[in-house]
Amino acid sequence: MADVINDWTMSDIINDWTMPDVINDWTMAYIISDSTMSDIINDWTMCDIINDWTMSDIINEWKMSDITNDWTMSDIINDWTMSDIINDWTIAYITEWTLPDMINDWTFADLIND
């Protein structure tokens, strides 16, 4: 995550990709069909994902429209509490993107609306 944060600031991501662009261009078909999100968290740490896949690999191979089709944002919110996310993704990653930064740049309302 540190590499991603160092190369792309959240504002760069926000400026270059709007959330609708992300939803249109990415799907998580492979993950959704093969695993529950809790399986992913248990089997892959975020560090593993970043080390094994570059962001361009993720962009080339995943589309997010399948997430929006299969999981509503309310499903995600219901199944993962924020404390689950914080517990499963170490505080080291969280400190790279602090929670206030996330909230300031992408509000939950933005995610739900988009």
N, C-alpha and C. Protein backbone atom coordinates (compact mmCIF):
# COMPACT_ATOMS: atom_id res chain seq x y z
N MET A 1 0.84 -1.19 0.00
CA MET A 1 0.00 0.00 0.00
C MET A 1 0.87 1.25 0.00
N ALA A 2 2.01 1.14 0.68
CA ALA A 2 2.89 2.31 0.73
C ALA A 2 3.34 2.74 -0.66
N ASP A 3 3.66 1.75 -1.51
CA ASP A 3 4.08 2.09 -2.88
C ASP A 3 2.96 2.81 -3.62
N VAL A 4 1.76 2.29 -3.47
CA VAL A 4 0.63 2.92 -4.14
C VAL A 4 0.44 4.34 -3.63
N ILE A 5 0.50 4.49 -2.31
CA ILE A 5 0.32 5.82 -1.72
C ILE A 5 1.42 6.77 -2.18
N ASN A 6 2.67 6.26 -2.23
CA ASN A 6 3.77 7.13 -2.63
C ASN A 6 3.65 7.58 -4.07
N ASP A 7 3.19 6.68 -4.95
CA ASP A 7 3.12 6.99 -6.38
C ASP A 7 1.85 7.74 -6.76
N TRP A 8 0.77 7.40 -6.09
CA TRP A 8 -0.52 8.03 -6.35
C TRP A 8 -1.06 8.58 -5.05
N THR A 9 -1.21 9.86 -4.95
CA THR A 9 -1.90 10.38 -3.77
C THR A 9 -3.39 10.16 -3.98
N MET A 10 -4.13 10.18 -2.90
CA MET A 10 -5.58 10.03 -3.02
C MET A 10 -6.14 11.12 -3.91
N SER A 11 -5.60 12.34 -3.80
CA SER A 11 -6.14 13.41 -4.64
C SER A 11 -5.86 13.14 -6.13
N ASP A 12 -4.70 12.54 -6.44
CA ASP A 12 -4.43 12.17 -7.83
C ASP A 12 -5.48 11.18 -8.32
N ILE A 13 -5.79 10.19 -7.49
CA ILE A 13 -6.80 9.20 -7.89
C ILE A 13 -8.14 9.88 -8.10
N ILE A 14 -8.51 10.72 -7.14
CA ILE A 14 -9.80 11.41 -7.23
C ILE A 14 -9.84 12.30 -8.48
N ASN A 15 -8.72 13.01 -8.76
CA ASN A 15 -8.71 13.92 -9.90
C ASN A 15 -8.76 13.18 -11.23
N ASP A 16 -8.05 12.06 -11.31
CA ASP A 16 -7.93 11.36 -12.59
C ASP A 16 -9.07 10.39 -12.85
N TRP A 17 -9.59 9.78 -11.81
CA TRP A 17 -10.67 8.81 -11.93
C TRP A 17 -11.82 9.24 -11.06
N THR A 18 -12.94 9.49 -11.63
CA THR A 18 -14.12 9.68 -10.79
C THR A 18 -14.62 8.30 -10.39
N MET A 19 -15.41 8.24 -9.33
CA MET A 19 -15.94 6.95 -8.91
C MET A 19 -16.72 6.26 -10.02
N PRO A 20 -17.53 6.98 -10.82
CA PRO A 20 -18.21 6.28 -11.93
C PRO A 20 -17.24 5.65 -12.91
N ASP A 21 -16.09 6.33 -13.17
CA ASP A 21 -15.07 5.73 -14.04
C ASP A 21 -14.57 4.41 -13.45
N VAL A 22 -14.32 4.42 -12.15
CA VAL A 22 -13.83 3.20 -11.51
C VAL A 22 -14.86 2.10 -11.65
N ILE A 23 -16.13 2.43 -11.39
CA ILE A 23 -17.18 1.41 -11.47
C ILE A 23 -17.32 0.91 -12.90
N ASN A 24 -17.19 1.78 -13.88
CA ASN A 24 -17.32 1.37 -15.27
C ASN A 24 -16.14 0.52 -15.74
N ASP A 25 -14.95 0.81 -15.23
CA ASP A 25 -13.74 0.19 -15.78
C ASP A 25 -13.26 -1.06 -15.04
N TRP A 26 -13.64 -1.24 -13.81
CA TRP A 26 -13.17 -2.39 -13.03
C TRP A 26 -14.32 -3.30 -12.65
N THR A 27 -14.13 -4.61 -12.73
CA THR A 27 -15.03 -5.52 -12.03
C THR A 27 -14.20 -6.47 -11.19
N MET A 28 -14.79 -7.01 -10.18
CA MET A 28 -14.11 -7.98 -9.34
C MET A 28 -14.70 -9.36 -9.58
N ALA A 29 -15.01 -9.66 -10.83
CA ALA A 29 -15.72 -10.89 -11.16
C ALA A 29 -15.04 -12.12 -10.59
N TYR A 30 -13.72 -12.16 -10.70
CA TYR A 30 -13.01 -13.37 -10.30
C TYR A 30 -13.09 -13.57 -8.80
N ILE A 31 -12.94 -12.49 -8.07
CA ILE A 31 -13.02 -12.58 -6.62
C ILE A 31 -14.43 -12.93 -6.18
N ILE A 32 -15.41 -12.26 -6.74
CA ILE A 32 -16.79 -12.47 -6.31
C ILE A 32 -17.22 -13.91 -6.57
N SER A 33 -16.85 -14.46 -7.73
CA SER A 33 -17.35 -15.79 -8.08
C SER A 33 -16.65 -16.89 -7.28
N ASP A 34 -15.42 -16.66 -6.87
CA ASP A 34 -14.64 -17.72 -6.23
C ASP A 34 -14.55 -17.63 -4.71
N SER A 35 -14.76 -16.46 -4.16
CA SER A 35 -14.47 -16.26 -2.75
C SER A 35 -15.46 -15.30 -2.12
N THR A 36 -15.67 -15.47 -0.85
CA THR A 36 -16.32 -14.39 -0.11
C THR A 36 -15.24 -13.38 0.27
N MET A 37 -15.66 -12.18 0.56
CA MET A 37 -14.68 -11.17 0.93
C MET A 37 -13.94 -11.57 2.20
N SER A 38 -14.61 -12.27 3.12
CA SER A 38 -13.90 -12.69 4.33
C SER A 38 -12.80 -13.71 3.99
N ASP A 39 -13.05 -14.57 2.99
CA ASP A 39 -11.99 -15.48 2.53
C ASP A 39 -10.79 -14.70 2.01
N ILE A 40 -11.07 -13.65 1.25
CA ILE A 40 -9.98 -12.84 0.71
C ILE A 40 -9.16 -12.23 1.84
N ILE A 41 -9.85 -11.65 2.81
CA ILE A 41 -9.15 -11.03 3.93
C ILE A 41 -8.30 -12.06 4.68
N ASN A 42 -8.89 -13.25 4.89
CA ASN A 42 -8.15 -14.27 5.63
C ASN A 42 -6.94 -14.81 4.86
N ASP A 43 -7.09 -14.95 3.54
CA ASP A 43 -6.05 -15.62 2.75
C ASP A 43 -5.00 -14.67 2.20
N TRP A 44 -5.38 -13.45 1.95
CA TRP A 44 -4.48 -12.46 1.36
C TRP A 44 -4.37 -11.26 2.27
N THR A 45 -3.20 -10.91 2.66
CA THR A 45 -3.04 -9.61 3.31
C THR A 45 -2.94 -8.55 2.21
N MET A 46 -3.21 -7.33 2.57
CA MET A 46 -3.10 -6.25 1.59
C MET A 46 -1.68 -6.18 1.05
N CYS A 47 -0.70 -6.45 1.90
CA CYS A 47 0.70 -6.46 1.47
C CYS A 47 0.91 -7.47 0.35
N ASP A 48 0.33 -8.67 0.49
CA ASP A 48 0.45 -9.70 -0.55
C ASP A 48 -0.14 -9.20 -1.86
N ILE A 49 -1.31 -8.57 -1.78
CA ILE A 49 -1.96 -8.10 -3.00
C ILE A 49 -1.08 -7.09 -3.71
N ILE A 50 -0.56 -6.13 -2.96
CA ILE A 50 0.27 -5.08 -3.56
C ILE A 50 1.56 -5.68 -4.12
N ASN A 51 2.17 -6.62 -3.40
CA ASN A 51 3.43 -7.19 -3.86
C ASN A 51 3.26 -8.06 -5.10
N ASP A 52 2.15 -8.81 -5.15
CA ASP A 52 1.98 -9.78 -6.24
C ASP A 52 1.35 -9.18 -7.49
N TRP A 53 0.54 -8.17 -7.34
CA TRP A 53 -0.15 -7.55 -8.45
C TRP A 53 0.16 -6.08 -8.49
N THR A 54 0.60 -5.61 -9.62
CA THR A 54 0.71 -4.16 -9.76
C THR A 54 -0.68 -3.60 -10.00
N MET A 55 -0.83 -2.32 -9.77
CA MET A 55 -2.13 -1.70 -9.97
C MET A 55 -2.58 -1.88 -11.41
N SER A 56 -1.65 -1.84 -12.39
CA SER A 56 -2.07 -2.02 -13.78
C SER A 56 -2.62 -3.43 -14.02
N ASP A 57 -2.04 -4.43 -13.34
CA ASP A 57 -2.60 -5.79 -13.45
C ASP A 57 -4.04 -5.81 -12.94
N ILE A 58 -4.25 -5.16 -11.82
CA ILE A 58 -5.59 -5.13 -11.24
C ILE A 58 -6.55 -4.45 -12.22
N ILE A 59 -6.12 -3.33 -12.78
CA ILE A 59 -6.99 -2.59 -13.71
C ILE A 59 -7.28 -3.42 -14.95
N ASN A 60 -6.26 -4.13 -15.45
CA ASN A 60 -6.46 -4.91 -16.67
C ASN A 60 -7.38 -6.11 -16.46
N GLU A 61 -7.31 -6.72 -15.28
CA GLU A 61 -7.98 -8.00 -15.10
C GLU A 61 -9.32 -7.93 -14.35
N TRP A 62 -9.57 -6.85 -13.64
CA TRP A 62 -10.79 -6.72 -12.83
C TRP A 62 -11.65 -5.60 -13.34
N LYS A 63 -12.95 -5.81 -13.28
CA LYS A 63 -13.90 -4.73 -13.51
C LYS A 63 -14.81 -4.64 -12.30
N MET A 64 -15.20 -3.45 -11.96
CA MET A 64 -15.97 -3.29 -10.73
C MET A 64 -17.47 -3.39 -10.97
N SER A 65 -17.93 -3.45 -12.21
CA SER A 65 -19.38 -3.51 -12.43
C SER A 65 -19.98 -4.76 -11.81
N ASP A 66 -19.21 -5.85 -11.76
CA ASP A 66 -19.73 -7.07 -11.13
C ASP A 66 -19.96 -6.86 -9.63
N ILE A 67 -19.10 -6.08 -9.00
CA ILE A 67 -19.34 -5.79 -7.59
C ILE A 67 -20.68 -5.06 -7.44
N THR A 68 -20.89 -4.07 -8.29
CA THR A 68 -22.11 -3.29 -8.13
C THR A 68 -23.33 -4.15 -8.45
N ASN A 69 -23.17 -5.12 -9.36
CA ASN A 69 -24.28 -6.01 -9.66
C ASN A 69 -24.56 -7.00 -8.53
N ASP A 70 -23.51 -7.54 -7.96
CA ASP A 70 -23.66 -8.63 -7.00
C ASP A 70 -23.76 -8.15 -5.55
N TRP A 71 -23.11 -7.06 -5.25
CA TRP A 71 -23.08 -6.52 -3.90
C TRP A 71 -23.51 -5.08 -3.94
N THR A 72 -24.55 -4.73 -3.21
CA THR A 72 -24.84 -3.32 -3.06
C THR A 72 -23.90 -2.75 -2.00
N MET A 73 -23.74 -1.46 -2.01
CA MET A 73 -22.89 -0.85 -0.99
C MET A 73 -23.42 -1.17 0.40
N SER A 74 -24.76 -1.24 0.55
CA SER A 74 -25.30 -1.56 1.87
C SER A 74 -24.92 -2.97 2.29
N ASP A 75 -24.83 -3.91 1.33
CA ASP A 75 -24.35 -5.26 1.66
C ASP A 75 -22.93 -5.20 2.21
N ILE A 76 -22.09 -4.41 1.54
CA ILE A 76 -20.70 -4.30 1.99
C ILE A 76 -20.65 -3.71 3.40
N ILE A 77 -21.44 -2.65 3.61
CA ILE A 77 -21.45 -2.01 4.92
C ILE A 77 -21.98 -2.97 5.98
N ASN A 78 -23.00 -3.75 5.62
CA ASN A 78 -23.57 -4.69 6.58
C ASN A 78 -22.61 -5.83 6.91
N ASP A 79 -21.85 -6.30 5.93
CA ASP A 79 -20.99 -7.47 6.13
C ASP A 79 -19.63 -7.12 6.73
N TRP A 80 -19.13 -5.96 6.46
CA TRP A 80 -17.86 -5.50 7.00
C TRP A 80 -18.10 -4.27 7.83
N THR A 81 -17.87 -4.34 9.09
CA THR A 81 -17.87 -3.11 9.88
C THR A 81 -16.51 -2.46 9.72
N MET A 82 -16.45 -1.19 10.00
CA MET A 82 -15.17 -0.49 9.91
C MET A 82 -14.15 -1.12 10.84
N SER A 83 -14.59 -1.60 12.01
CA SER A 83 -13.63 -2.22 12.93
C SER A 83 -13.06 -3.50 12.34
N ASP A 84 -13.86 -4.27 11.56
CA ASP A 84 -13.33 -5.45 10.88
C ASP A 84 -12.22 -5.06 9.92
N ILE A 85 -12.47 -4.01 9.16
CA ILE A 85 -11.46 -3.58 8.19
C ILE A 85 -10.18 -3.17 8.92
N ILE A 86 -10.32 -2.39 9.97
CA ILE A 86 -9.15 -1.92 10.72
C ILE A 86 -8.41 -3.10 11.35
N ASN A 87 -9.16 -4.08 11.85
CA ASN A 87 -8.52 -5.24 12.47
C ASN A 87 -7.78 -6.11 11.46
N ASP A 88 -8.32 -6.24 10.25
CA ASP A 88 -7.75 -7.16 9.26
C ASP A 88 -6.66 -6.52 8.40
N TRP A 89 -6.74 -5.24 8.17
CA TRP A 89 -5.69 -4.51 7.46
C TRP A 89 -4.92 -3.73 8.50
N THR A 90 -3.67 -4.04 8.63
CA THR A 90 -2.90 -3.52 9.76
C THR A 90 -2.91 -2.00 9.81
N ILE A 91 -2.65 -1.51 10.99
CA ILE A 91 -2.66 -0.06 11.22
C ILE A 91 -1.60 0.62 10.37
N ALA A 92 -0.55 -0.11 9.98
CA ALA A 92 0.47 0.48 9.12
C ALA A 92 -0.13 0.96 7.81
N TYR A 93 -1.03 0.16 7.24
CA TYR A 93 -1.67 0.58 6.00
C TYR A 93 -2.63 1.74 6.26
N ILE A 94 -3.36 1.63 7.34
CA ILE A 94 -4.32 2.68 7.67
C ILE A 94 -3.61 4.02 7.86
N THR A 95 -2.41 4.00 8.46
CA THR A 95 -1.73 5.27 8.71
C THR A 95 -1.24 5.91 7.41
N GLU A 96 -1.05 5.12 6.35
CA GLU A 96 -0.71 5.73 5.07
C GLU A 96 -1.88 6.55 4.51
N TRP A 97 -3.07 5.99 4.60
CA TRP A 97 -4.30 6.73 4.30
C TRP A 97 -5.04 6.86 5.61
N THR A 98 -4.94 7.97 6.26
CA THR A 98 -5.64 8.07 7.54
C THR A 98 -7.13 8.08 7.29
N LEU A 99 -7.89 7.65 8.28
CA LEU A 99 -9.33 7.62 8.15
C LEU A 99 -9.91 9.00 7.84
N PRO A 100 -9.42 10.05 8.51
CA PRO A 100 -9.95 11.38 8.14
C PRO A 100 -9.68 11.74 6.68
N ASP A 101 -8.50 11.36 6.16
CA ASP A 101 -8.21 11.62 4.74
C ASP A 101 -9.22 10.90 3.85
N MET A 102 -9.47 9.63 4.16
CA MET A 102 -10.44 8.88 3.37
C MET A 102 -11.81 9.54 3.41
N ILE A 103 -12.21 9.91 4.63
CA ILE A 103 -13.54 10.50 4.79
C ILE A 103 -13.61 11.83 4.06
N ASN A 104 -12.51 12.61 4.10
CA ASN A 104 -12.52 13.89 3.42
C ASN A 104 -12.58 13.74 1.91
N ASP A 105 -11.87 12.73 1.37
CA ASP A 105 -11.76 12.61 -0.08
C ASP A 105 -12.91 11.82 -0.70
N TRP A 106 -13.29 10.71 -0.09
CA TRP A 106 -14.43 9.91 -0.55
C TRP A 106 -15.36 9.75 0.64
N THR A 107 -16.43 10.45 0.67
CA THR A 107 -17.38 10.23 1.75
C THR A 107 -18.17 8.97 1.46
N PHE A 108 -18.71 8.39 2.50
CA PHE A 108 -19.57 7.22 2.30
C PHE A 108 -20.72 7.58 1.38
N ALA A 109 -21.23 8.82 1.52
CA ALA A 109 -22.33 9.25 0.65
C ALA A 109 -21.91 9.21 -0.81
N ASP A 110 -20.67 9.65 -1.10
CA ASP A 110 -20.17 9.60 -2.48
C ASP A 110 -20.17 8.16 -2.99
N LEU A 111 -19.66 7.25 -2.18
CA LEU A 111 -19.60 5.85 -2.60
C LEU A 111 -21.00 5.30 -2.85
N ILE A 112 -21.92 5.59 -1.95
CA ILE A 112 -23.28 5.06 -2.08
C ILE A 112 -23.98 5.69 -3.27
N ASN A 113 -23.77 7.00 -3.48
CA ASN A 113 -24.43 7.68 -4.60
C ASN A 113 -23.89 7.21 -5.95
N ASP A 114 -22.58 6.96 -6.01
CA ASP A 114 -21.97 6.54 -7.27
C ASP A 114 -22.11 5.05 -7.47
